[in-house]
N, C-alpha and C. Protein backbone atom coordinates (compact mmCIF):
# COMPACT_ATOMS: atom_id res chain seq x y z
N UNK A 1 66.72 261.98 144.19
CA UNK A 1 66.19 261.43 142.85
C UNK A 1 65.22 260.11 143.16
N UNK A 2 64.15 260.10 142.53
CA UNK A 2 63.06 259.10 142.81
C UNK A 2 63.52 257.93 141.92
N UNK A 3 63.28 256.71 142.59
CA UNK A 3 63.46 255.55 141.85
C UNK A 3 62.30 255.14 141.16
N UNK A 4 62.58 254.39 140.03
CA UNK A 4 61.49 254.02 139.27
C UNK A 4 60.58 253.03 139.98
N UNK A 5 59.28 253.01 139.65
CA UNK A 5 58.34 251.99 140.29
C UNK A 5 57.98 251.04 139.27
N UNK A 6 58.02 249.58 139.63
CA UNK A 6 57.55 248.63 138.66
C UNK A 6 56.15 248.33 138.91
N UNK A 7 55.46 248.43 137.74
CA UNK A 7 53.85 247.99 137.85
C UNK A 7 53.88 246.87 137.12
N UNK A 8 53.20 245.82 137.57
CA UNK A 8 52.87 244.57 136.99
C UNK A 8 51.48 244.58 136.40
N UNK A 9 51.23 244.12 135.24
CA UNK A 9 49.85 244.01 134.63
C UNK A 9 49.74 242.69 133.94
N UNK A 10 48.56 242.19 133.92
CA UNK A 10 48.24 240.83 133.41
C UNK A 10 47.32 240.97 132.22
N UNK A 11 47.84 240.36 131.06
CA UNK A 11 46.87 240.34 129.74
C UNK A 11 46.86 238.90 129.31
N UNK A 12 45.76 238.42 129.49
CA UNK A 12 45.41 236.94 128.89
C UNK A 12 46.60 236.00 129.51
N UNK A 13 46.71 236.13 130.95
CA UNK A 13 47.52 235.14 131.63
C UNK A 13 49.16 235.47 131.51
N UNK A 14 49.24 236.52 130.77
CA UNK A 14 50.77 236.93 130.61
C UNK A 14 51.09 238.09 131.50
N UNK A 15 52.03 237.92 132.41
CA UNK A 15 52.31 239.07 133.15
C UNK A 15 53.38 240.07 132.79
N UNK A 16 53.23 241.31 132.70
CA UNK A 16 54.14 242.27 132.25
C UNK A 16 54.69 243.21 133.16
N UNK A 17 55.89 243.45 133.32
CA UNK A 17 56.38 244.51 134.22
C UNK A 17 56.66 245.71 133.53
N UNK A 18 56.09 246.90 133.83
CA UNK A 18 56.13 248.26 133.32
C UNK A 18 56.92 249.14 134.34
N UNK A 19 58.13 249.61 133.82
CA UNK A 19 58.83 250.59 134.71
C UNK A 19 58.26 252.02 134.64
N UNK A 20 57.87 252.41 135.75
CA UNK A 20 57.10 253.77 135.87
C UNK A 20 58.10 254.79 136.29
N UNK A 21 58.77 255.55 135.44
CA UNK A 21 59.69 256.47 135.83
C UNK A 21 59.32 257.93 135.35
N UNK A 22 58.14 258.05 134.85
CA UNK A 22 57.79 259.36 134.36
C UNK A 22 56.76 260.02 135.44
N UNK A 23 57.43 261.05 136.11
CA UNK A 23 56.44 261.78 137.14
C UNK A 23 55.27 262.35 136.70
N UNK A 24 55.15 262.65 135.35
CA UNK A 24 54.06 263.42 134.84
C UNK A 24 52.98 262.43 134.42
N UNK A 25 53.23 261.09 134.42
CA UNK A 25 52.20 260.34 133.83
C UNK A 25 51.89 259.14 135.06
N UNK A 26 50.62 259.02 135.41
CA UNK A 26 50.21 257.98 136.30
C UNK A 26 50.07 256.62 135.66
N UNK A 27 51.01 255.87 135.75
CA UNK A 27 51.20 254.64 135.14
C UNK A 27 50.09 253.59 135.47
N UNK A 28 49.66 253.78 136.70
CA UNK A 28 48.64 252.83 137.04
C UNK A 28 47.33 253.24 136.22
N UNK A 29 47.09 254.54 135.91
CA UNK A 29 45.99 255.00 135.25
C UNK A 29 46.06 254.58 133.91
N UNK A 30 47.38 254.61 133.25
CA UNK A 30 47.51 253.98 131.93
C UNK A 30 47.19 252.45 131.74
N UNK A 31 47.59 251.75 132.69
CA UNK A 31 47.40 250.39 132.76
C UNK A 31 45.83 250.05 132.99
N UNK A 32 45.21 250.85 133.70
CA UNK A 32 43.77 250.59 133.95
C UNK A 32 43.05 250.94 132.66
N UNK A 33 43.48 251.96 131.93
CA UNK A 33 42.85 252.44 130.69
C UNK A 33 42.98 251.20 129.62
N UNK A 34 44.31 250.80 129.50
CA UNK A 34 44.45 249.74 128.43
C UNK A 34 43.64 248.52 128.91
N UNK A 35 43.62 248.12 130.18
CA UNK A 35 42.92 246.89 130.66
C UNK A 35 41.42 247.14 130.17
N UNK A 36 40.84 248.15 130.47
CA UNK A 36 39.60 248.57 130.07
C UNK A 36 39.22 248.41 128.67
N UNK A 37 40.19 248.91 127.81
CA UNK A 37 40.06 248.71 126.36
C UNK A 37 40.05 247.25 125.92
N UNK A 38 40.97 246.57 126.53
CA UNK A 38 41.10 245.15 126.23
C UNK A 38 39.66 244.33 126.65
N UNK A 39 39.21 244.77 127.87
CA UNK A 39 38.03 244.19 128.29
C UNK A 39 36.85 244.41 127.38
N UNK A 40 36.76 245.73 126.87
CA UNK A 40 35.84 246.03 125.80
C UNK A 40 35.85 245.08 124.58
N UNK A 41 36.89 244.80 124.15
CA UNK A 41 37.13 243.79 123.15
C UNK A 41 36.73 242.34 123.48
N UNK A 42 37.14 241.92 124.77
CA UNK A 42 36.74 240.60 125.11
C UNK A 42 35.24 240.50 125.22
N UNK A 43 34.48 241.33 125.58
CA UNK A 43 33.17 241.48 125.53
C UNK A 43 32.51 241.49 124.12
N UNK A 44 33.03 242.29 123.29
CA UNK A 44 32.61 242.42 121.96
C UNK A 44 32.88 241.26 120.98
N UNK A 45 34.03 240.61 121.29
CA UNK A 45 34.59 239.65 120.32
C UNK A 45 34.93 238.27 121.04
N UNK A 46 33.90 237.79 121.69
CA UNK A 46 34.10 236.47 122.36
C UNK A 46 34.66 235.42 121.36
N UNK A 47 35.67 234.80 121.83
CA UNK A 47 36.15 233.67 121.02
C UNK A 47 37.40 234.05 120.08
N UNK A 48 37.60 235.33 120.15
CA UNK A 48 38.63 235.97 119.25
C UNK A 48 40.00 235.75 119.87
N UNK A 49 41.15 235.48 119.00
CA UNK A 49 42.24 235.28 119.60
C UNK A 49 42.86 236.36 120.61
N UNK A 50 43.42 236.20 121.59
CA UNK A 50 43.91 237.26 122.41
C UNK A 50 44.63 238.35 121.84
N UNK A 51 45.65 237.86 120.93
CA UNK A 51 46.52 238.92 120.37
C UNK A 51 45.76 239.72 119.57
N UNK A 52 44.75 239.33 118.83
CA UNK A 52 43.75 240.13 117.95
C UNK A 52 43.14 241.06 118.78
N UNK A 53 42.59 240.57 119.93
CA UNK A 53 41.78 241.49 120.76
C UNK A 53 42.60 242.74 121.28
N UNK A 54 43.90 242.37 121.68
CA UNK A 54 44.88 243.36 122.12
C UNK A 54 45.03 244.38 121.00
N UNK A 55 45.19 244.04 119.87
CA UNK A 55 45.55 244.75 118.75
C UNK A 55 44.32 245.79 118.38
N UNK A 56 43.08 245.24 118.42
CA UNK A 56 41.88 246.00 118.23
C UNK A 56 41.69 246.93 119.40
N UNK A 57 42.10 246.66 120.66
CA UNK A 57 42.11 247.46 121.78
C UNK A 57 43.04 248.68 121.70
N UNK A 58 44.23 248.35 121.10
CA UNK A 58 45.13 249.45 120.94
C UNK A 58 44.68 250.44 119.84
N UNK A 59 44.17 249.82 118.71
CA UNK A 59 43.59 250.65 117.56
C UNK A 59 42.53 251.59 118.16
N UNK A 60 41.71 251.15 119.14
CA UNK A 60 40.66 251.87 119.72
C UNK A 60 41.35 253.00 120.61
N UNK A 61 42.33 252.66 121.35
CA UNK A 61 42.94 253.49 122.11
C UNK A 61 43.61 254.65 121.27
N UNK A 62 44.15 254.20 120.19
CA UNK A 62 44.91 255.21 119.20
C UNK A 62 43.81 256.13 118.80
N UNK A 63 42.61 255.58 118.40
CA UNK A 63 41.54 256.43 118.02
C UNK A 63 41.08 257.45 118.98
N UNK A 64 40.99 256.83 120.26
CA UNK A 64 40.71 257.90 121.33
C UNK A 64 41.70 259.14 121.48
N UNK A 65 43.03 258.71 121.40
CA UNK A 65 44.12 259.75 121.43
C UNK A 65 43.93 260.65 120.45
N UNK A 66 43.68 260.31 119.10
CA UNK A 66 43.80 261.28 118.03
C UNK A 66 42.54 262.02 118.24
N UNK A 67 41.39 261.65 118.63
CA UNK A 67 40.16 262.41 119.03
C UNK A 67 40.42 263.40 119.96
N UNK A 68 41.04 262.95 121.10
CA UNK A 68 41.45 263.91 122.19
C UNK A 68 42.37 264.98 121.68
N UNK A 69 43.22 264.64 120.88
CA UNK A 69 44.27 265.57 120.38
C UNK A 69 43.53 266.73 119.43
N UNK A 70 42.53 266.24 118.60
CA UNK A 70 41.83 267.14 117.75
C UNK A 70 40.97 268.00 118.80
N UNK A 71 40.32 267.46 119.68
CA UNK A 71 39.47 268.30 120.71
C UNK A 71 40.31 269.33 121.31
N UNK A 72 41.54 268.93 121.74
CA UNK A 72 42.47 269.83 122.38
C UNK A 72 42.92 270.91 121.59
N UNK A 73 43.06 270.72 120.27
CA UNK A 73 43.55 271.68 119.25
C UNK A 73 42.25 272.73 119.04
N UNK A 74 40.99 272.06 119.04
CA UNK A 74 39.84 273.05 118.81
C UNK A 74 39.78 274.08 120.03
N UNK A 75 39.92 273.31 121.24
CA UNK A 75 39.76 274.08 122.48
C UNK A 75 40.83 275.22 122.56
N UNK A 76 42.04 274.87 122.06
CA UNK A 76 43.08 275.97 122.09
C UNK A 76 42.63 277.10 121.27
N UNK A 77 42.18 276.73 119.96
CA UNK A 77 41.79 277.77 118.99
C UNK A 77 40.60 278.64 119.60
N UNK A 78 39.61 277.88 120.40
CA UNK A 78 38.56 278.64 120.92
C UNK A 78 39.12 279.63 122.01
N UNK A 79 40.05 279.19 122.78
CA UNK A 79 40.59 280.05 123.91
C UNK A 79 41.25 281.15 123.26
N UNK A 80 42.12 280.95 122.38
CA UNK A 80 42.96 281.98 121.69
C UNK A 80 42.00 282.99 121.05
N UNK A 81 40.99 282.63 120.45
CA UNK A 81 39.97 283.53 119.70
C UNK A 81 39.23 284.40 120.86
N UNK A 82 38.88 283.75 121.89
CA UNK A 82 38.14 284.50 122.88
C UNK A 82 39.04 285.46 123.59
N UNK A 83 40.21 284.94 123.89
CA UNK A 83 41.20 285.90 124.51
C UNK A 83 41.72 287.13 123.74
N UNK A 84 41.70 286.81 122.34
CA UNK A 84 41.94 288.04 121.34
C UNK A 84 40.86 289.10 121.53
N UNK A 85 39.61 288.56 121.34
CA UNK A 85 38.51 289.30 121.37
C UNK A 85 38.37 290.21 122.77
N UNK A 86 38.82 289.63 123.85
CA UNK A 86 38.77 290.23 125.05
C UNK A 86 39.80 291.33 125.34
N UNK A 87 41.00 290.90 124.68
CA UNK A 87 41.94 291.97 124.70
C UNK A 87 41.50 293.15 123.67
N UNK A 88 40.94 292.82 122.54
CA UNK A 88 40.50 293.88 121.82
C UNK A 88 39.51 294.86 122.42
N UNK A 89 38.54 294.15 123.12
CA UNK A 89 37.50 295.00 124.03
C UNK A 89 38.36 295.78 125.02
N UNK A 90 39.18 295.21 125.75
CA UNK A 90 39.92 296.03 126.72
C UNK A 90 40.73 297.23 126.26
N UNK A 91 41.41 296.82 125.15
CA UNK A 91 41.98 298.01 124.34
C UNK A 91 41.04 299.07 123.89
N UNK A 92 39.95 298.67 123.29
CA UNK A 92 39.00 299.76 122.88
C UNK A 92 38.50 300.58 124.09
N UNK A 93 38.34 300.11 125.19
CA UNK A 93 38.04 300.85 126.42
C UNK A 93 39.06 301.68 126.84
N UNK A 94 40.16 301.29 126.74
CA UNK A 94 41.47 301.92 127.33
C UNK A 94 41.89 303.07 126.43
N UNK A 95 41.49 303.08 125.17
CA UNK A 95 41.93 304.07 124.19
C UNK A 95 41.00 305.33 124.55
């Protein structure tokens, strides 16, 4: 059994420890993504309170997630449609 890894991240001088116990998720990649989103807000909103920047960053991350979910759904529909057409073509040749 694997032991959980502790990842430390720093946001605006506050250190947070994140327990990484999901083998399917690279927690360091998640941390890097969140930090990049916060940096985007720091650049775009200089002087804004840190907690507000983090909220905006998380809203943008949520938007990215929803967009990716929609794109995945569209891709699944495309793949299923193409697979169905291929099966129909194969069936027509086999008959």
